[in-house]
Amino acid sequence: MSSQQQQRRKQQPQSQRRRGQGSKRPKAKQKPVDLWRPVPPLPDVQPIVPAGDPTALVRSLGDAPLSVPGAAAGITIATVVDRAAGLATALAAAGGLLAEPTEDDDD
């Protein structure tokens, strides 16, 4: 804002000052959403296969851009991802959604 604009603004009473430069348009009323409308059926549940290495994606991104040393941040993030994957696997097992192990599995 230039100094001339600032001086003019100071001279105007506050009631005449406008916020923003655009013209005021009446807001269009939004159509209400019917929360109880019928929804399409969900697809059949697919068996869940736990990840062999849940931290692979995070490690592929490189060191975290944090102020703490990279190794400490990486270990902490990997620990959290491992824990979340373990909890997700346990939850899938409790719900009977884990895929059956095959002969190809080394674990």
Protein backbone atom coordinates (compact mmCIF):
# COMPACT_ATOMS: atom_id res chain seq x y z
CA MET A 1 0.00 0.00 0.00
CA SER A 2 1.46 3.38 -0.96
CA SER A 3 1.84 6.25 1.49
CA GLN A 4 -0.91 8.21 -0.30
CA GLN A 5 -3.34 5.32 0.11
CA GLN A 6 -2.42 5.03 3.78
CA GLN A 7 -3.06 8.76 4.34
CA ARG A 8 -6.44 8.61 2.59
CA ARG A 9 -7.35 5.57 4.64
CA LYS A 10 -6.50 7.36 7.86
CA GLN A 11 -8.70 10.28 6.84
CA GLN A 12 -11.74 8.10 6.15
CA PRO A 13 -13.97 7.26 9.08
CA GLN A 14 -13.78 3.61 9.99
CA SER A 15 -17.40 3.06 8.94
CA GLN A 16 -16.51 3.98 5.34
CA ARG A 17 -13.50 1.67 5.10
CA ARG A 18 -14.11 -1.50 3.19
CA ARG A 19 -12.49 -4.85 3.60
CA GLY A 20 -11.27 -6.30 0.36
CA GLN A 21 -11.49 -4.78 -3.08
CA GLY A 22 -14.26 -6.93 -4.55
CA SER A 23 -17.90 -5.95 -4.78
CA LYS A 24 -20.32 -7.43 -2.33
CA ARG A 25 -22.45 -10.10 -3.92
CA PRO A 26 -25.33 -11.79 -2.19
CA LYS A 27 -24.38 -15.30 -1.15
CA ALA A 28 -26.18 -18.00 -3.04
CA LYS A 29 -28.14 -20.30 -0.78
CA GLN A 30 -26.86 -23.83 -0.83
CA LYS A 31 -29.27 -26.64 -1.46
CA PRO A 32 -29.72 -28.70 1.72
CA VAL A 33 -28.24 -32.19 1.63
CA ASP A 34 -30.51 -35.12 2.33
CA LEU A 35 -28.54 -37.10 4.91
CA TRP A 36 -30.97 -40.00 4.85
CA ARG A 37 -30.85 -40.62 1.10
CA PRO A 38 -30.24 -44.19 -0.06
CA VAL A 39 -26.60 -44.97 -0.80
CA PRO A 40 -25.19 -47.65 -3.09
CA PRO A 41 -24.16 -50.90 -1.37
CA LEU A 42 -20.52 -51.29 -0.39
CA PRO A 43 -18.35 -53.74 -2.33
CA ASP A 44 -17.49 -57.09 -0.79
CA VAL A 45 -14.70 -56.98 1.78
CA GLN A 46 -11.32 -58.06 0.43
CA PRO A 47 -8.93 -59.98 2.69
CA ILE A 48 -6.20 -57.80 4.19
CA VAL A 49 -2.58 -58.78 3.66
CA PRO A 50 -0.22 -57.18 6.20
CA ALA A 51 2.72 -55.27 4.73
CA GLY A 52 6.04 -57.09 4.84
CA ASP A 53 7.91 -53.86 5.54
CA PRO A 54 5.55 -51.05 6.59
CA THR A 55 8.37 -48.50 6.82
CA ALA A 56 9.53 -48.89 3.19
CA LEU A 57 7.50 -45.94 1.89
CA VAL A 58 8.62 -43.61 4.68
CA ARG A 59 12.27 -44.58 4.19
CA SER A 60 12.00 -44.03 0.44
CA LEU A 61 11.21 -40.36 1.12
CA GLY A 62 14.63 -39.80 2.71
CA ASP A 63 15.48 -38.05 5.96
CA ALA A 64 12.69 -36.11 7.64
CA PRO A 65 13.13 -32.30 7.43
CA LEU A 66 13.07 -31.80 11.19
CA SER A 67 15.32 -29.82 13.50
CA VAL A 68 16.33 -32.94 15.43
CA PRO A 69 19.14 -35.10 14.03
CA GLY A 70 18.01 -37.16 11.03
CA ALA A 71 18.69 -40.58 12.53
CA ALA A 72 16.64 -39.91 15.67
CA ALA A 73 13.71 -38.55 13.67
CA GLY A 74 13.85 -41.46 11.23
CA ILE A 75 13.89 -44.04 14.02
CA THR A 76 10.96 -42.36 15.78
CA ILE A 77 8.89 -42.14 12.61
CA ALA A 78 9.68 -45.77 11.71
CA THR A 79 8.66 -46.85 15.22
CA VAL A 80 5.31 -45.07 14.91
CA VAL A 81 4.66 -46.54 11.45
CA ASP A 82 5.58 -50.05 12.68
CA ARG A 83 3.26 -49.70 15.66
CA ALA A 84 0.39 -48.43 13.50
CA ALA A 85 0.86 -51.35 11.08
CA GLY A 86 0.87 -53.80 13.97
CA LEU A 87 -2.32 -52.34 15.40
CA ALA A 88 -3.99 -52.38 11.97
CA THR A 89 -3.03 -56.04 11.56
CA ALA A 90 -4.40 -56.88 15.01
CA LEU A 91 -7.63 -55.06 14.24
CA ALA A 92 -7.99 -56.92 10.93
CA ALA A 93 -7.34 -60.22 12.71
CA ALA A 94 -9.93 -59.41 15.36
CA GLY A 95 -12.46 -58.70 12.63
CA GLY A 96 -11.63 -61.89 10.77
CA LEU A 97 -10.38 -59.95 7.75
CA LEU A 98 -6.78 -61.20 7.47
CA ALA A 99 -5.87 -63.07 4.29
CA GLU A 100 -5.01 -66.71 4.74
CA PRO A 101 -1.24 -67.33 4.62
CA THR A 102 -0.08 -69.06 1.45
CA GLU A 103 2.80 -71.47 0.89
CA ASP A 104 4.75 -68.68 -0.81
CA ASP A 105 4.92 -66.70 2.44
CA ASP A 106 8.32 -66.97 4.09
CA ASP A 107 7.11 -65.64 7.48
